[in-house]
Amino acid sequence: MNRNEKLKMIVLTLFVDVALPSVVYFILRQFGMSDVLALAFGSGVSVIRIILEFVRNRKIDALAFLMFLFFLVGIATSFFTGNARFMIAKDSLFTGIFALVMIGSAFVGRRPLIFYLGRQFAGSESFEQKWNELERFRHNLRVMTVVWGIGYLIEAIVRVIVVFTLSISMSVLVSPLLLAFTTLVLIVWTRLFVRHSRSKGKKTHDTKEELS
């Protein structure tokens, strides 16, 4: 797939995993279904996508498996406690762990997680070459990985506060918006950071040429 197709796939995935469950929840609540069951059916939309992906590709990635596991934990906790808020809070657990993995990958391991995500858009050869040849490129990817990790970690904490402070219906509405807003802010920051880094690199290059 080219870059536009990959971007469309990401947007579609976000719609199915973030927006559609909320829509299903509000529709079912209008028909008198309980919060726990409505949230369970809403979250089940994402589970169906994961199952279809497995059937089509005969494999399941780690993130999809983690989402499925948290779905089971969230629905089990909600049914045992009778508190639907755990169904919403499970998303914070997923985001929080993902954020910690991102931050950890910047310090432990061969390459930060942003490298693998960015490679899907830029192409394997281009990313591999830059990683092997440019120290600034490696540094920038690690910085971006840490910032994205911190951003999503903060989002996870704020979402937990929102879930157990606001009403369930408001939490269902605010939760995906909070995730979307955090992602948008991180994307804008990344674009500004990359632009600043390129400008700084160009000035350094020009200075070296003048000195030589």
N, C-alpha and C. Protein backbone atom coordinates (compact mmCIF):
# COMPACT_ATOMS: atom_id res chain seq x y z
N MET A 1 0.83 -1.20 0.00
CA MET A 1 0.00 0.00 0.00
C MET A 1 0.87 1.25 0.00
N ASN A 2 0.41 2.31 -0.72
CA ASN A 2 1.14 3.56 -0.68
C ASN A 2 0.77 4.32 0.60
N ARG A 3 1.37 5.51 0.78
CA ARG A 3 1.19 6.25 2.02
C ARG A 3 -0.27 6.66 2.24
N ASN A 4 -0.96 7.10 1.17
CA ASN A 4 -2.36 7.51 1.32
C ASN A 4 -3.25 6.33 1.72
N GLU A 5 -2.98 5.18 1.13
CA GLU A 5 -3.77 4.00 1.46
C GLU A 5 -3.55 3.58 2.91
N LYS A 6 -2.31 3.69 3.37
CA LYS A 6 -2.00 3.35 4.76
C LYS A 6 -2.67 4.33 5.71
N LEU A 7 -2.69 5.61 5.34
CA LEU A 7 -3.33 6.62 6.18
C LEU A 7 -4.83 6.36 6.26
N LYS A 8 -5.44 6.01 5.11
CA LYS A 8 -6.87 5.69 5.11
C LYS A 8 -7.16 4.48 5.99
N MET A 9 -6.25 3.50 5.97
CA MET A 9 -6.44 2.31 6.78
C MET A 9 -6.38 2.64 8.26
N ILE A 10 -5.47 3.55 8.64
CA ILE A 10 -5.36 3.97 10.03
C ILE A 10 -6.62 4.72 10.47
N VAL A 11 -7.11 5.63 9.61
CA VAL A 11 -8.33 6.38 9.93
C VAL A 11 -9.51 5.43 10.08
N LEU A 12 -9.60 4.44 9.19
CA LEU A 12 -10.69 3.47 9.25
C LEU A 12 -10.61 2.65 10.54
N THR A 13 -9.39 2.27 10.92
CA THR A 13 -9.20 1.50 12.14
C THR A 13 -9.60 2.31 13.36
N LEU A 14 -9.21 3.60 13.38
CA LEU A 14 -9.58 4.47 14.50
C LEU A 14 -11.10 4.63 14.59
N PHE A 15 -11.74 4.71 13.42
CA PHE A 15 -13.21 4.84 13.41
C PHE A 15 -13.86 3.59 14.00
N VAL A 16 -13.39 2.43 13.57
CA VAL A 16 -13.98 1.17 14.03
C VAL A 16 -13.69 0.93 15.51
N ASP A 17 -12.46 1.23 15.93
CA ASP A 17 -12.06 0.92 17.31
C ASP A 17 -12.41 2.00 18.31
N VAL A 18 -12.60 3.25 17.85
CA VAL A 18 -12.83 4.35 18.78
C VAL A 18 -14.23 4.94 18.64
N ALA A 19 -14.61 5.34 17.44
CA ALA A 19 -15.88 6.05 17.26
C ALA A 19 -17.08 5.10 17.21
N LEU A 20 -16.98 4.03 16.45
CA LEU A 20 -18.12 3.13 16.25
C LEU A 20 -18.62 2.50 17.55
N PRO A 21 -17.75 2.04 18.46
CA PRO A 21 -18.25 1.50 19.73
C PRO A 21 -19.11 2.49 20.50
N SER A 22 -18.75 3.78 20.47
CA SER A 22 -19.55 4.80 21.16
C SER A 22 -20.91 4.96 20.50
N VAL A 23 -20.94 4.92 19.17
CA VAL A 23 -22.21 5.04 18.44
C VAL A 23 -23.13 3.87 18.79
N VAL A 24 -22.55 2.66 18.80
CA VAL A 24 -23.34 1.47 19.14
C VAL A 24 -23.88 1.57 20.56
N TYR A 25 -23.04 2.05 21.48
CA TYR A 25 -23.47 2.21 22.88
C TYR A 25 -24.70 3.11 22.98
N PHE A 26 -24.65 4.29 22.37
CA PHE A 26 -25.75 5.25 22.49
C PHE A 26 -27.03 4.73 21.81
N ILE A 27 -26.87 4.00 20.72
CA ILE A 27 -28.05 3.43 20.04
C ILE A 27 -28.72 2.39 20.94
N LEU A 28 -27.93 1.50 21.51
CA LEU A 28 -28.48 0.45 22.37
C LEU A 28 -29.09 1.02 23.65
N ARG A 29 -28.50 2.09 24.17
CA ARG A 29 -29.05 2.72 25.37
C ARG A 29 -30.42 3.32 25.08
N GLN A 30 -30.61 3.82 23.85
CA GLN A 30 -31.91 4.36 23.47
C GLN A 30 -32.99 3.28 23.46
N PHE A 31 -32.57 2.02 23.26
CA PHE A 31 -33.51 0.91 23.26
C PHE A 31 -33.66 0.29 24.65
N GLY A 32 -33.08 0.96 25.66
CA GLY A 32 -33.27 0.52 27.04
C GLY A 32 -32.28 -0.50 27.56
N MET A 33 -31.24 -0.80 26.80
CA MET A 33 -30.24 -1.77 27.26
C MET A 33 -29.40 -1.16 28.37
N SER A 34 -28.92 -1.97 29.30
CA SER A 34 -28.12 -1.49 30.42
C SER A 34 -26.76 -0.98 29.94
N ASP A 35 -26.12 -0.17 30.78
CA ASP A 35 -24.81 0.38 30.42
C ASP A 35 -23.79 -0.72 30.16
N VAL A 36 -23.77 -1.72 31.03
CA VAL A 36 -22.78 -2.80 30.91
C VAL A 36 -22.94 -3.54 29.59
N LEU A 37 -24.18 -3.94 29.26
CA LEU A 37 -24.41 -4.67 28.01
C LEU A 37 -24.18 -3.80 26.78
N ALA A 38 -24.61 -2.54 26.84
CA ALA A 38 -24.42 -1.64 25.70
C ALA A 38 -22.94 -1.42 25.43
N LEU A 39 -22.15 -1.24 26.49
CA LEU A 39 -20.71 -1.07 26.33
C LEU A 39 -20.05 -2.36 25.83
N ALA A 40 -20.55 -3.49 26.31
CA ALA A 40 -20.00 -4.77 25.88
C ALA A 40 -20.21 -4.99 24.39
N PHE A 41 -21.44 -4.71 23.93
CA PHE A 41 -21.73 -4.85 22.49
C PHE A 41 -20.95 -3.82 21.68
N GLY A 42 -20.81 -2.61 22.22
CA GLY A 42 -20.03 -1.58 21.52
C GLY A 42 -18.58 -1.98 21.37
N SER A 43 -17.98 -2.45 22.46
CA SER A 43 -16.58 -2.89 22.40
C SER A 43 -16.43 -4.12 21.53
N GLY A 44 -17.51 -4.90 21.44
CA GLY A 44 -17.46 -6.11 20.60
C GLY A 44 -17.22 -5.81 19.14
N VAL A 45 -17.50 -4.58 18.71
CA VAL A 45 -17.24 -4.18 17.32
C VAL A 45 -15.75 -4.31 17.01
N SER A 46 -14.91 -3.85 17.95
CA SER A 46 -13.46 -3.94 17.76
C SER A 46 -13.00 -5.39 17.76
N VAL A 47 -13.62 -6.20 18.61
CA VAL A 47 -13.27 -7.62 18.67
C VAL A 47 -13.60 -8.31 17.35
N ILE A 48 -14.75 -7.96 16.77
CA ILE A 48 -15.13 -8.53 15.47
C ILE A 48 -14.08 -8.18 14.40
N ARG A 49 -13.60 -6.92 14.44
CA ARG A 49 -12.57 -6.52 13.47
C ARG A 49 -11.31 -7.36 13.64
N ILE A 50 -10.91 -7.59 14.90
CA ILE A 50 -9.71 -8.38 15.17
C ILE A 50 -9.89 -9.81 14.66
N ILE A 51 -11.07 -10.39 14.89
CA ILE A 51 -11.34 -11.76 14.43
C ILE A 51 -11.31 -11.83 12.91
N LEU A 52 -11.93 -10.83 12.25
CA LEU A 52 -11.92 -10.82 10.78
C LEU A 52 -10.51 -10.68 10.23
N GLU A 53 -9.69 -9.85 10.88
CA GLU A 53 -8.30 -9.71 10.46
C GLU A 53 -7.55 -11.03 10.60
N PHE A 54 -7.83 -11.75 11.69
CA PHE A 54 -7.18 -13.04 11.90
C PHE A 54 -7.60 -14.04 10.84
N VAL A 55 -8.89 -14.07 10.52
CA VAL A 55 -9.39 -15.00 9.52
C VAL A 55 -8.79 -14.68 8.15
N ARG A 56 -8.66 -13.40 7.83
CA ARG A 56 -8.15 -13.00 6.53
C ARG A 56 -6.65 -13.22 6.39
N ASN A 57 -5.88 -12.86 7.44
CA ASN A 57 -4.42 -12.92 7.35
C ASN A 57 -3.82 -14.13 8.04
N ARG A 58 -4.63 -14.87 8.77
CA ARG A 58 -4.18 -16.05 9.51
C ARG A 58 -3.10 -15.71 10.55
N LYS A 59 -3.13 -14.48 11.04
CA LYS A 59 -2.21 -14.08 12.10
C LYS A 59 -2.80 -12.89 12.84
N ILE A 60 -2.36 -12.70 14.07
CA ILE A 60 -2.84 -11.59 14.88
C ILE A 60 -1.63 -10.89 15.50
N ASP A 61 -1.57 -9.56 15.37
CA ASP A 61 -0.42 -8.84 15.90
C ASP A 61 -0.57 -8.65 17.40
N ALA A 62 0.54 -8.23 18.03
CA ALA A 62 0.58 -8.12 19.49
C ALA A 62 -0.43 -7.09 20.02
N LEU A 63 -0.57 -5.95 19.32
CA LEU A 63 -1.48 -4.91 19.77
C LEU A 63 -2.93 -5.38 19.71
N ALA A 64 -3.27 -6.09 18.64
CA ALA A 64 -4.63 -6.61 18.50
C ALA A 64 -4.92 -7.63 19.60
N PHE A 65 -3.96 -8.48 19.88
CA PHE A 65 -4.15 -9.47 20.94
C PHE A 65 -4.31 -8.79 22.29
N LEU A 66 -3.52 -7.72 22.53
CA LEU A 66 -3.61 -6.98 23.78
C LEU A 66 -4.98 -6.32 23.92
N MET A 67 -5.50 -5.76 22.82
CA MET A 67 -6.83 -5.15 22.84
C MET A 67 -7.90 -6.20 23.18
N PHE A 68 -7.78 -7.38 22.58
CA PHE A 68 -8.73 -8.45 22.83
C PHE A 68 -8.67 -8.90 24.30
N LEU A 69 -7.44 -8.97 24.84
CA LEU A 69 -7.27 -9.38 26.23
C LEU A 69 -7.89 -8.37 27.18
N PHE A 70 -7.67 -7.08 26.92
CA PHE A 70 -8.23 -6.04 27.77
C PHE A 70 -9.76 -5.98 27.65
N PHE A 71 -10.27 -6.32 26.47
CA PHE A 71 -11.72 -6.39 26.30
C PHE A 71 -12.30 -7.44 27.25
N LEU A 72 -11.66 -8.62 27.31
CA LEU A 72 -12.13 -9.68 28.18
C LEU A 72 -12.04 -9.28 29.65
N VAL A 73 -10.91 -8.63 30.00
CA VAL A 73 -10.73 -8.18 31.39
C VAL A 73 -11.79 -7.14 31.76
N GLY A 74 -12.01 -6.17 30.85
CA GLY A 74 -12.97 -5.11 31.11
C GLY A 74 -14.38 -5.63 31.26
N ILE A 75 -14.79 -6.52 30.36
CA ILE A 75 -16.17 -7.02 30.40
C ILE A 75 -16.37 -7.93 31.61
N ALA A 76 -15.35 -8.73 31.96
CA ALA A 76 -15.47 -9.60 33.12
C ALA A 76 -15.58 -8.78 34.40
N THR A 77 -14.73 -7.75 34.52
CA THR A 77 -14.76 -6.90 35.71
C THR A 77 -16.09 -6.16 35.83
N SER A 78 -16.60 -5.68 34.71
CA SER A 78 -17.87 -4.94 34.73
C SER A 78 -19.03 -5.83 35.14
N PHE A 79 -19.07 -7.06 34.64
CA PHE A 79 -20.17 -7.96 34.98
C PHE A 79 -20.09 -8.41 36.44
N PHE A 80 -18.87 -8.65 36.93
CA PHE A 80 -18.72 -9.10 38.32
C PHE A 80 -19.02 -7.97 39.31
N THR A 81 -18.64 -6.74 38.97
CA THR A 81 -18.84 -5.61 39.88
C THR A 81 -20.15 -4.89 39.61
N GLY A 82 -20.70 -5.06 38.41
CA GLY A 82 -21.91 -4.35 38.03
C GLY A 82 -21.64 -2.89 37.70
N ASN A 83 -20.37 -2.53 37.56
CA ASN A 83 -19.97 -1.14 37.28
C ASN A 83 -19.47 -1.04 35.84
N ALA A 84 -20.23 -0.36 35.02
CA ALA A 84 -19.88 -0.25 33.59
C ALA A 84 -18.65 0.60 33.36
N ARG A 85 -18.23 1.37 34.35
CA ARG A 85 -17.08 2.25 34.16
C ARG A 85 -15.81 1.47 33.85
N PHE A 86 -15.72 0.24 34.33
CA PHE A 86 -14.53 -0.57 34.07
C PHE A 86 -14.40 -0.91 32.59
N MET A 87 -15.54 -0.97 31.90
CA MET A 87 -15.50 -1.23 30.46
C MET A 87 -14.85 -0.07 29.71
N ILE A 88 -15.05 1.14 30.21
CA ILE A 88 -14.44 2.31 29.58
C ILE A 88 -12.99 2.47 30.04
N ALA A 89 -12.75 2.19 31.32
CA ALA A 89 -11.42 2.37 31.89
C ALA A 89 -10.40 1.40 31.30
N LYS A 90 -10.89 0.27 30.75
CA LYS A 90 -9.97 -0.71 30.18
C LYS A 90 -9.15 -0.11 29.04
N ASP A 91 -9.71 0.87 28.33
CA ASP A 91 -8.99 1.52 27.24
C ASP A 91 -7.79 2.31 27.77
N SER A 92 -7.95 2.86 28.98
CA SER A 92 -6.84 3.58 29.59
C SER A 92 -5.70 2.63 29.95
N LEU A 93 -6.07 1.43 30.38
CA LEU A 93 -5.05 0.43 30.69
C LEU A 93 -4.25 0.07 29.45
N PHE A 94 -4.96 -0.12 28.34
CA PHE A 94 -4.30 -0.43 27.07
C PHE A 94 -3.38 0.71 26.64
N THR A 95 -3.91 1.94 26.67
CA THR A 95 -3.11 3.10 26.26
C THR A 95 -1.92 3.30 27.17
N GLY A 96 -2.12 3.11 28.49
CA GLY A 96 -1.04 3.30 29.44
C GLY A 96 0.09 2.32 29.24
N ILE A 97 -0.24 1.05 29.03
CA ILE A 97 0.80 0.04 28.79
C ILE A 97 1.52 0.31 27.48
N PHE A 98 0.76 0.67 26.45
CA PHE A 98 1.36 1.01 25.16
C PHE A 98 2.32 2.18 25.31
N ALA A 99 1.94 3.19 26.13
CA ALA A 99 2.79 4.36 26.36
C ALA A 99 4.08 3.96 27.06
N LEU A 100 3.98 3.09 28.07
CA LEU A 100 5.17 2.65 28.80
C LEU A 100 6.11 1.83 27.89
N VAL A 101 5.51 1.03 27.00
CA VAL A 101 6.32 0.26 26.04
C VAL A 101 7.06 1.22 25.10
N MET A 102 6.37 2.27 24.66
CA MET A 102 7.00 3.25 23.78
C MET A 102 8.19 3.92 24.48
N ILE A 103 7.97 4.38 25.70
CA ILE A 103 9.04 5.07 26.44
C ILE A 103 10.21 4.12 26.68
N GLY A 104 9.89 2.89 27.06
CA GLY A 104 10.95 1.90 27.31
C GLY A 104 11.75 1.57 26.07
N SER A 105 11.07 1.53 24.91
CA SER A 105 11.77 1.17 23.68
C SER A 105 12.79 2.22 23.26
N ALA A 106 12.66 3.45 23.78
CA ALA A 106 13.61 4.51 23.45
C ALA A 106 14.93 4.33 24.19
N PHE A 107 14.91 3.56 25.27
CA PHE A 107 16.10 3.37 26.09
C PHE A 107 16.61 1.93 26.10
N VAL A 108 15.68 1.00 25.90
CA VAL A 108 16.04 -0.42 25.92
C VAL A 108 15.66 -1.03 24.58
N GLY A 109 16.56 -1.79 24.04
CA GLY A 109 16.27 -2.40 22.74
C GLY A 109 17.06 -1.74 21.63
N ARG A 110 16.98 -2.36 20.48
CA ARG A 110 17.78 -1.91 19.34
C ARG A 110 17.25 -0.64 18.73
N ARG A 111 15.93 -0.52 18.61
CA ARG A 111 15.33 0.64 17.96
C ARG A 111 14.05 1.04 18.68
N PRO A 112 13.75 2.34 18.71
CA PRO A 112 12.51 2.79 19.37
C PRO A 112 11.28 2.41 18.55
N LEU A 113 10.14 2.37 19.21
CA LEU A 113 8.91 1.93 18.56
C LEU A 113 8.51 2.84 17.41
N ILE A 114 8.77 4.14 17.53
CA ILE A 114 8.43 5.09 16.46
C ILE A 114 9.12 4.72 15.16
N PHE A 115 10.30 4.11 15.24
CA PHE A 115 11.01 3.68 14.03
C PHE A 115 10.15 2.73 13.22
N TYR A 116 9.57 1.73 13.87
CA TYR A 116 8.79 0.72 13.17
C TYR A 116 7.47 1.30 12.65
N LEU A 117 6.89 2.22 13.40
CA LEU A 117 5.65 2.86 12.95
C LEU A 117 5.92 3.78 11.76
N GLY A 118 7.00 4.57 11.85
CA GLY A 118 7.34 5.48 10.77
C GLY A 118 7.77 4.77 9.51
N ARG A 119 8.38 3.61 9.67
CA ARG A 119 8.85 2.85 8.51
C ARG A 119 7.69 2.40 7.64
N GLN A 120 6.51 2.21 8.24
CA GLN A 120 5.34 1.80 7.48
C GLN A 120 4.93 2.86 6.46
N PHE A 121 5.25 4.14 6.76
CA PHE A 121 4.87 5.23 5.87
C PHE A 121 5.99 5.59 4.90
N ALA A 122 7.22 5.65 5.39
CA ALA A 122 8.33 6.14 4.57
C ALA A 122 8.95 5.07 3.69
N GLY A 123 8.74 3.80 4.03
CA GLY A 123 9.38 2.74 3.26
C GLY A 123 10.57 2.17 4.00
N SER A 124 10.77 0.88 3.89
CA SER A 124 11.80 0.19 4.66
C SER A 124 13.22 0.65 4.31
N GLU A 125 13.52 0.75 3.01
CA GLU A 125 14.88 1.07 2.59
C GLU A 125 15.30 2.46 3.04
N SER A 126 14.42 3.44 2.87
CA SER A 126 14.73 4.81 3.25
C SER A 126 14.98 4.93 4.75
N PHE A 127 14.13 4.34 5.54
CA PHE A 127 14.26 4.42 7.00
C PHE A 127 15.50 3.69 7.47
N GLU A 128 15.75 2.51 6.92
CA GLU A 128 16.93 1.73 7.31
C GLU A 128 18.22 2.49 7.01
N GLN A 129 18.26 3.11 5.84
CA GLN A 129 19.46 3.85 5.44
C GLN A 129 19.70 5.04 6.35
N LYS A 130 18.66 5.81 6.63
CA LYS A 130 18.81 6.97 7.51
C LYS A 130 19.21 6.54 8.92
N TRP A 131 18.61 5.46 9.41
CA TRP A 131 18.94 4.98 10.75
C TRP A 131 20.41 4.58 10.85
N ASN A 132 20.93 3.94 9.82
CA ASN A 132 22.31 3.46 9.84
C ASN A 132 23.33 4.58 9.63
N GLU A 133 22.93 5.64 8.94
CA GLU A 133 23.90 6.66 8.56
C GLU A 133 23.81 7.97 9.36
N LEU A 134 22.65 8.31 9.89
CA LEU A 134 22.46 9.63 10.49
C LEU A 134 22.21 9.54 12.00
N GLU A 135 23.15 10.09 12.77
CA GLU A 135 23.02 10.11 14.22
C GLU A 135 21.83 10.98 14.65
N ARG A 136 21.65 12.14 13.98
CA ARG A 136 20.54 13.02 14.32
C ARG A 136 19.20 12.34 14.09
N PHE A 137 19.11 11.54 13.04
CA PHE A 137 17.88 10.82 12.74
C PHE A 137 17.54 9.85 13.88
N ARG A 138 18.56 9.13 14.36
CA ARG A 138 18.35 8.19 15.46
C ARG A 138 17.93 8.93 16.73
N HIS A 139 18.59 10.06 16.98
CA HIS A 139 18.27 10.87 18.17
C HIS A 139 16.83 11.40 18.09
N ASN A 140 16.43 11.90 16.94
CA ASN A 140 15.09 12.46 16.77
C ASN A 140 14.01 11.40 16.97
N LEU A 141 14.24 10.19 16.47
CA LEU A 141 13.25 9.13 16.63
C LEU A 141 13.09 8.76 18.10
N ARG A 142 14.19 8.75 18.82
CA ARG A 142 14.10 8.43 20.25
C ARG A 142 13.35 9.54 21.01
N VAL A 143 13.63 10.79 20.65
CA VAL A 143 12.93 11.91 21.30
C VAL A 143 11.43 11.82 21.01
N MET A 144 11.08 11.58 19.74
CA MET A 144 9.67 11.49 19.38
C MET A 144 8.98 10.32 20.09
N THR A 145 9.69 9.21 20.23
CA THR A 145 9.12 8.05 20.91
C THR A 145 8.80 8.38 22.37
N VAL A 146 9.73 9.06 23.04
CA VAL A 146 9.52 9.42 24.45
C VAL A 146 8.35 10.40 24.58
N VAL A 147 8.30 11.41 23.71
CA VAL A 147 7.23 12.41 23.77
C VAL A 147 5.87 11.77 23.51
N TRP A 148 5.78 10.91 22.51
CA TRP A 148 4.51 10.24 22.23
C TRP A 148 4.12 9.34 23.41
N GLY A 149 5.09 8.66 23.99
CA GLY A 149 4.81 7.81 25.13
C GLY A 149 4.29 8.60 26.31
N ILE A 150 4.94 9.72 26.61
CA ILE A 150 4.50 10.57 27.72
C ILE A 150 3.11 11.13 27.44
N GLY A 151 2.88 11.55 26.19
CA GLY A 151 1.58 12.10 25.82
C GLY A 151 0.45 11.10 26.05
N TYR A 152 0.65 9.86 25.61
CA TYR A 152 -0.38 8.84 25.78
C TYR A 152 -0.51 8.39 27.24
N LEU A 153 0.58 8.46 27.98
CA LEU A 153 0.51 8.11 29.40
C LEU A 153 -0.33 9.13 30.16
N ILE A 154 -0.12 10.42 29.83
CA ILE A 154 -0.94 11.47 30.44
C ILE A 154 -2.40 11.31 30.05
N GLU A 155 -2.64 10.98 28.77
CA GLU A 155 -4.01 10.78 28.29
C GLU A 155 -4.69 9.64 29.04
N ALA A 156 -3.95 8.56 29.30
CA ALA A 156 -4.51 7.42 30.01
C ALA A 156 -4.91 7.79 31.44
N ILE A 157 -4.05 8.56 32.10
CA ILE A 157 -4.34 8.99 33.48
C ILE A 157 -5.55 9.91 33.51
N VAL A 158 -5.58 10.88 32.60
CA VAL A 158 -6.70 11.82 32.56
C VAL A 158 -8.00 11.08 32.25
N ARG A 159 -7.93 10.07 31.37
CA ARG A 159 -9.14 9.34 31.01
C ARG A 159 -9.71 8.57 32.21
N VAL A 160 -8.84 8.00 33.03
CA VAL A 160 -9.30 7.31 34.23
C VAL A 160 -10.04 8.28 35.15
N ILE A 161 -9.48 9.48 35.30
CA ILE A 161 -10.11 10.50 36.14
C ILE A 161 -11.48 10.87 35.56
N VAL A 162 -11.53 11.02 34.24
CA VAL A 162 -12.79 11.37 33.57
C VAL A 162 -13.83 10.28 33.77
N VAL A 163 -13.41 9.02 33.59
CA VAL A 163 -14.34 7.89 33.67
C VAL A 163 -14.99 7.79 35.05
N PHE A 164 -14.19 8.00 36.09
CA PHE A 164 -14.72 7.83 37.44
C PHE A 164 -15.20 9.15 38.06
N THR A 165 -15.27 10.20 37.24
CA THR A 165 -15.77 11.49 37.72
C THR A 165 -17.07 11.86 37.02
N LEU A 166 -17.10 11.73 35.69
CA LEU A 166 -18.29 12.09 34.93
C LEU A 166 -19.29 10.94 34.89
N SER A 167 -20.46 11.20 34.36
CA SER A 167 -21.45 10.14 34.17
C SER A 167 -20.95 9.17 33.10
N ILE A 168 -21.55 7.99 33.06
CA ILE A 168 -21.11 6.98 32.10
C ILE A 168 -21.32 7.45 30.66
N SER A 169 -22.47 8.05 30.39
CA SER A 169 -22.75 8.52 29.03
C SER A 169 -21.76 9.60 28.61
N MET A 170 -21.44 10.52 29.52
CA MET A 170 -20.46 11.56 29.22
C MET A 170 -19.07 10.97 29.05
N SER A 171 -18.75 9.96 29.84
CA SER A 171 -17.44 9.30 29.74
C SER A 171 -17.28 8.63 28.38
N VAL A 172 -18.36 7.98 27.93
CA VAL A 172 -18.33 7.33 26.61
C VAL A 172 -18.10 8.35 25.51
N LEU A 173 -18.66 9.53 25.67
CA LEU A 173 -18.53 10.58 24.67
C LEU A 173 -17.17 11.25 24.73
N VAL A 174 -16.70 11.54 25.94
CA VAL A 174 -15.45 12.28 26.11
C VAL A 174 -14.22 11.41 25.87
N SER A 175 -14.29 10.14 26.24
CA SER A 175 -13.14 9.25 26.16
C SER A 175 -12.51 9.18 24.77
N PRO A 176 -13.27 8.88 23.71
CA PRO A 176 -12.65 8.85 22.37
C PRO A 176 -12.19 10.22 21.90
N LEU A 177 -12.91 11.28 22.32
CA LEU A 177 -12.49 12.63 21.94
C LEU A 177 -11.15 12.98 22.58
N LEU A 178 -10.96 12.52 23.81
CA LEU A 178 -9.70 12.76 24.50
C LEU A 178 -8.55 12.08 23.79
N LEU A 179 -8.78 10.85 23.35
CA LEU A 179 -7.75 10.12 22.61
C LEU A 179 -7.46 10.80 21.28
N ALA A 180 -8.51 11.21 20.57
CA ALA A 180 -8.34 11.87 19.28
C ALA A 180 -7.60 13.20 19.43
N PHE A 181 -7.95 13.96 20.47
CA PHE A 181 -7.29 15.25 20.71
C PHE A 181 -5.81 15.05 21.03
N THR A 182 -5.51 14.06 21.88
CA THR A 182 -4.11 13.78 22.22
C THR A 182 -3.32 13.39 20.99
N THR A 183 -3.91 12.54 20.16
CA THR A 183 -3.21 12.11 18.94
C THR A 183 -2.98 13.29 17.99
N LEU A 184 -3.98 14.16 17.86
CA LEU A 184 -3.84 15.33 16.99
C LEU A 184 -2.73 16.25 17.49
N VAL A 185 -2.69 16.49 18.80
CA VAL A 185 -1.64 17.35 19.37
C VAL A 185 -0.26 16.74 19.12
N LEU A 186 -0.14 15.44 19.29
CA LEU A 186 1.15 14.77 19.07
C LEU A 186 1.57 14.82 17.60
N ILE A 187 0.61 14.71 16.70
CA ILE A 187 0.93 14.78 15.27
C ILE A 187 1.42 16.18 14.92
N VAL A 188 0.71 17.21 15.42
CA VAL A 188 1.12 18.60 15.16
C VAL A 188 2.51 18.84 15.74
N TRP A 189 2.73 18.39 16.98
CA TRP A 189 4.06 18.56 17.59
C TRP A 189 5.13 17.87 16.77
N THR A 190 4.85 16.68 16.28
CA THR A 190 5.83 15.91 15.49
C THR A 190 6.20 16.66 14.22
N ARG A 191 5.21 17.21 13.54
CA ARG A 191 5.48 17.96 12.31
C ARG A 191 6.36 19.18 12.60
N LEU A 192 6.06 19.89 13.69
CA LEU A 192 6.85 21.06 14.06
C LEU A 192 8.26 20.65 14.47
N PHE A 193 8.37 19.55 15.18
CA PHE A 193 9.68 19.06 15.63
C PHE A 193 10.54 18.65 14.45
N VAL A 194 9.95 17.93 13.50
CA VAL A 194 10.69 17.50 12.31
C VAL A 194 11.13 18.71 11.48
N ARG A 195 10.22 19.68 11.34
CA ARG A 195 10.54 20.89 10.58
C ARG A 195 11.69 21.66 11.24
N HIS A 196 11.64 21.79 12.57
CA HIS A 196 12.70 22.48 13.30
C HIS A 196 14.02 21.73 13.18
N SER A 197 13.96 20.40 13.26
CA SER A 197 15.18 19.60 13.16
C SER A 197 15.81 19.73 11.79
N ARG A 198 14.98 19.73 10.74
CA ARG A 198 15.52 19.87 9.38
C ARG A 198 16.15 21.25 9.19
N SER A 199 15.49 22.28 9.74
CA SER A 199 16.02 23.64 9.64
C SER A 199 17.35 23.75 10.38
N LYS A 200 17.41 23.15 11.56
CA LYS A 200 18.64 23.16 12.35
C LYS A 200 19.75 22.40 11.64
N GLY A 201 19.39 21.26 11.04
CA GLY A 201 20.38 20.47 10.32
C GLY A 201 20.91 21.21 9.10
N LYS A 202 20.05 21.93 8.40
CA LYS A 202 20.46 22.70 7.23
C LYS A 202 21.41 23.83 7.63
N LYS A 203 21.12 24.51 8.76
CA LYS A 203 21.99 25.59 9.23
C LYS A 203 23.36 25.04 9.61
N THR A 204 23.37 23.87 10.26
CA THR A 204 24.64 23.25 10.64
C THR A 204 25.45 22.87 9.43
N HIS A 205 24.76 22.35 8.40
CA HIS A 205 25.43 21.95 7.16
C HIS A 205 26.03 23.16 6.46
N ASP A 206 25.25 24.28 6.43
CA ASP A 206 25.74 25.49 5.77
C ASP A 206 26.95 26.09 6.52
N THR A 207 26.91 25.99 7.85
CA THR A 207 28.01 26.51 8.66
C THR A 207 29.28 25.70 8.40
N LYS A 208 29.15 24.40 8.31
CA LYS A 208 30.31 23.54 8.03
C LYS A 208 30.91 23.87 6.67
N GLU A 209 30.05 24.14 5.69
CA GLU A 209 30.54 24.47 4.36
C GLU A 209 31.30 25.79 4.36
N GLU A 210 30.80 26.77 5.15
CA GLU A 210 31.47 28.05 5.25
C GLU A 210 32.82 27.91 5.91
N LEU A 211 32.90 27.10 6.96
CA LEU A 211 34.16 26.91 7.66
C LEU A 211 35.18 26.17 6.81
N SER A 212 34.65 25.27 5.95
CA SER A 212 35.57 24.52 5.11
C SER A 212 36.06 25.34 3.92
